[in-house]
């Protein structure tokens, strides 16, 4: 399992960063424009990590199948994302 520790830690950092970043969208109307802005902002963060050499690839998207209308009306939004870590850090 140690070989995947860097992937797990990178995923934790990305997840936490997205959670902190998305706080600026609290109390905004949850419409398609807000969703698009949030997804594009998350993709911008991924592009920064790619530019820094931390990731080889990153993509975030909104999946309507994972976001039923009842959850969206309650203000709950799930952003899907995938990433590829650039290298293994030796500790």
Protein backbone atom coordinates (compact mmCIF):
# COMPACT_ATOMS: atom_id res chain seq x y z
CA UNK A 1 0.00 0.00 0.00
CA UNK A 2 2.91 2.37 0.49
CA UNK A 3 3.26 2.78 -3.29
CA UNK A 4 -0.12 4.50 -3.40
CA UNK A 5 0.41 6.73 -0.37
CA UNK A 6 1.41 9.71 -2.52
CA UNK A 7 -1.73 9.31 -4.65
CA UNK A 8 -3.91 9.14 -1.54
CA UNK A 9 -2.30 12.19 0.03
CA UNK A 10 -2.55 14.15 -3.21
CA UNK A 11 -6.23 13.25 -3.42
CA UNK A 12 -6.77 14.44 0.15
CA UNK A 13 -5.12 17.79 -0.61
CA UNK A 14 -7.15 18.25 -3.80
CA UNK A 15 -10.40 17.35 -2.03
CA UNK A 16 -9.73 19.73 0.86
CA UNK A 17 -8.68 22.52 -1.51
CA UNK A 18 -11.89 22.16 -3.53
CA UNK A 19 -13.97 22.24 -0.35
CA UNK A 20 -12.27 25.43 0.88
CA UNK A 21 -12.41 27.04 -2.54
CA UNK A 22 -16.10 26.30 -3.03
CA UNK A 23 -17.02 28.22 0.12
CA UNK A 24 -17.04 31.43 -1.90
CA UNK A 25 -20.10 30.07 -3.74
CA UNK A 26 -22.15 29.64 -0.55
CA UNK A 27 -25.38 31.69 -0.58
CA UNK A 28 -25.23 32.12 -4.34
CA UNK A 29 -28.21 30.90 -6.39
CA UNK A 30 -27.52 27.35 -7.53
CA UNK A 31 -28.17 27.69 -11.25
CA UNK A 32 -26.28 26.51 -14.33
CA UNK A 33 -24.12 29.65 -14.42
CA UNK A 34 -22.94 29.08 -10.83
CA UNK A 35 -22.29 25.40 -11.53
CA UNK A 36 -20.30 26.26 -14.66
CA UNK A 37 -18.28 28.89 -12.77
CA UNK A 38 -17.47 26.44 -9.98
CA UNK A 39 -16.45 23.66 -12.38
CA UNK A 40 -14.27 26.03 -14.42
CA UNK A 41 -12.63 27.33 -11.23
CA UNK A 42 -11.86 23.77 -10.12
CA UNK A 43 -10.41 23.02 -13.56
CA UNK A 44 -8.30 26.18 -13.23
CA UNK A 45 -6.92 24.83 -9.95
CA UNK A 46 -6.12 21.56 -11.73
CA UNK A 47 -4.30 23.44 -14.51
CA UNK A 48 -2.23 25.21 -11.86
CA UNK A 49 -1.24 21.88 -10.31
CA UNK A 50 -0.28 20.59 -13.75
CA UNK A 51 1.79 23.71 -14.35
CA UNK A 52 3.51 23.26 -10.98
CA UNK A 53 4.45 19.70 -11.97
CA UNK A 54 2.36 18.05 -9.25
CA UNK A 55 -0.09 16.41 -11.67
CA UNK A 56 0.07 14.98 -15.18
CA UNK A 57 -3.64 15.44 -15.78
CA UNK A 58 -6.77 16.80 -14.16
CA UNK A 59 -10.42 17.13 -15.18
CA UNK A 60 -13.49 18.24 -13.23
CA UNK A 61 -17.07 18.07 -14.47
CA UNK A 62 -20.69 18.29 -13.35
CA UNK A 63 -22.54 14.97 -13.60
CA UNK A 64 -26.34 15.46 -13.56
CA UNK A 65 -26.84 11.77 -12.73
CA UNK A 66 -25.06 12.26 -9.38
CA UNK A 67 -26.98 15.47 -8.61
CA UNK A 68 -30.74 14.86 -8.35
CA UNK A 69 -33.04 17.88 -8.29
CA UNK A 70 -33.90 17.30 -4.62
CA UNK A 71 -30.23 17.62 -3.63
CA UNK A 72 -29.65 20.65 -5.84
CA UNK A 73 -32.70 22.39 -4.37
CA UNK A 74 -31.23 21.75 -0.91
CA UNK A 75 -27.98 23.40 -2.04
CA UNK A 76 -25.95 20.19 -2.27
CA UNK A 77 -23.73 19.88 -5.32
CA UNK A 78 -21.26 17.14 -6.23
CA UNK A 79 -18.41 17.95 -8.59
CA UNK A 80 -16.74 14.90 -10.14
CA UNK A 81 -13.03 14.98 -10.87
CA UNK A 82 -10.14 12.73 -11.83
CA UNK A 83 -6.40 13.30 -11.73
CA UNK A 84 -3.06 11.65 -12.42
CA UNK A 85 -0.19 12.24 -10.02
CA UNK A 86 3.09 13.23 -11.66
CA UNK A 87 5.62 11.33 -9.60
CA UNK A 88 6.26 9.45 -6.41
CA UNK A 89 7.82 11.46 -3.62
CA UNK A 90 10.44 9.56 -1.65
CA UNK A 91 10.27 10.07 2.07
